[in-house]
Protein backbone atom coordinates (compact mmCIF):
# COMPACT_ATOMS: atom_id res chain seq x y z
CA MET A 1 32.24 13.85 6.15
CA HIS A 2 32.34 11.20 3.39
CA LEU A 3 28.90 9.04 2.04
CA ASP A 4 30.76 6.17 3.29
CA THR A 5 31.47 7.49 7.53
CA GLU A 6 27.84 8.05 7.19
CA LEU A 7 25.98 5.08 6.35
CA ALA A 8 28.51 3.36 8.16
CA GLN A 9 26.05 4.78 11.50
CA HIS A 10 22.79 3.44 9.86
CA HIS A 11 21.31 -0.16 9.78
CA CYS A 12 19.48 -1.85 7.01
CA ALA A 13 16.02 -2.20 7.85
CA ARG A 14 15.63 -5.81 5.85
CA CYS A 15 18.52 -7.38 6.77
CA LYS A 16 20.15 -5.79 9.74
CA SER A 17 23.34 -5.59 8.53
CA LYS A 18 25.46 -2.03 8.87
CA LEU A 19 24.96 0.32 5.02
CA THR A 20 26.96 0.06 1.82
CA VAL A 21 27.04 1.94 -0.82
CA PRO A 22 24.71 2.08 -2.72
CA ALA A 23 22.18 3.02 -0.33
CA VAL A 24 18.39 4.08 -0.51
CA PHE A 25 16.20 5.97 1.83
CA ARG A 26 12.95 5.37 1.79
CA ASP A 27 9.66 5.66 4.46
CA GLY A 28 12.47 6.87 6.71
CA GLU A 29 14.08 3.95 6.67
CA TRP A 30 18.12 2.66 4.82
CA TYR A 31 18.51 -0.28 2.61
CA HIS A 32 20.98 -2.46 0.67
CA ARG A 33 19.89 -1.24 -2.56
CA THR A 34 19.87 -4.65 -3.74
CA CYS A 35 17.59 -5.63 -0.07
CA TRP A 36 14.93 -2.64 -1.22
CA GLU A 37 14.96 -4.15 -4.65
CA ARG A 38 14.39 -7.69 -3.29
CA GLY A 39 11.57 -6.93 -1.10
CA ALA A 40 10.26 -4.96 -3.57
CA HIS A 41 10.18 -7.62 -6.02
CA GLN A 42 8.53 -10.15 -3.81
CA LEU A 43 5.86 -7.09 -2.92
CA ALA A 44 4.96 -7.42 -6.31
CA ASP A 45 4.80 -11.40 -6.36
CA ALA A 46 2.52 -11.09 -2.80
CA ASN A 47 0.12 -8.37 -4.28
CA LYS A 48 0.25 -10.98 -8.08
CA ARG A 49 -0.86 -13.75 -5.92
CA ALA A 50 -3.33 -11.76 -3.74
CA ASP A 51 -5.26 -11.11 -7.45
CA ALA A 52 -4.95 -14.17 -8.49
CA ILE A 53 -6.35 -15.97 -5.04
CA LYS A 54 -9.39 -12.46 -5.39
CA HIS A 55 -10.27 -13.61 -8.92
CA MET A 56 -10.34 -17.66 -8.26
CA HIS A 57 -12.87 -16.57 -5.39
CA ASP A 58 -15.10 -14.86 -7.19
CA LEU A 59 -15.00 -18.33 -9.72
CA TYR A 60 -15.15 -20.83 -7.20
CA PRO A 61 -17.63 -21.13 -4.18
CA PRO A 62 -15.63 -21.14 -1.24
CA ILE A 63 -14.83 -24.89 -0.11
CA VAL A 64 -16.00 -25.15 3.81
CA PHE A 65 -14.06 -28.44 5.48
CA LEU A 66 -16.43 -30.10 8.40
CA THR A 67 -14.11 -31.64 10.75
CA GLU A 68 -16.69 -33.65 13.14
CA ARG A 69 -19.75 -34.99 11.82
CA GLU A 70 -23.24 -34.18 13.64
CA SER A 71 -25.15 -36.39 15.67
CA LEU A 72 -28.02 -37.25 13.50
């Protein structure tokens, strides 16, 4: 069998459309190469943002918002 016909049986785990070449198999799932790369970039960006938020949290104390007035 050709690789194209074998991949046609699978769907991309990210976009759910039928697979085409080039494809990536990672963590037990198939992805289009571009879908895999976009997901990897999104994960890297999310990690950078999370690190920045952690750093901001260390520099500044948490802000507490009061939504109701307490009676005096």
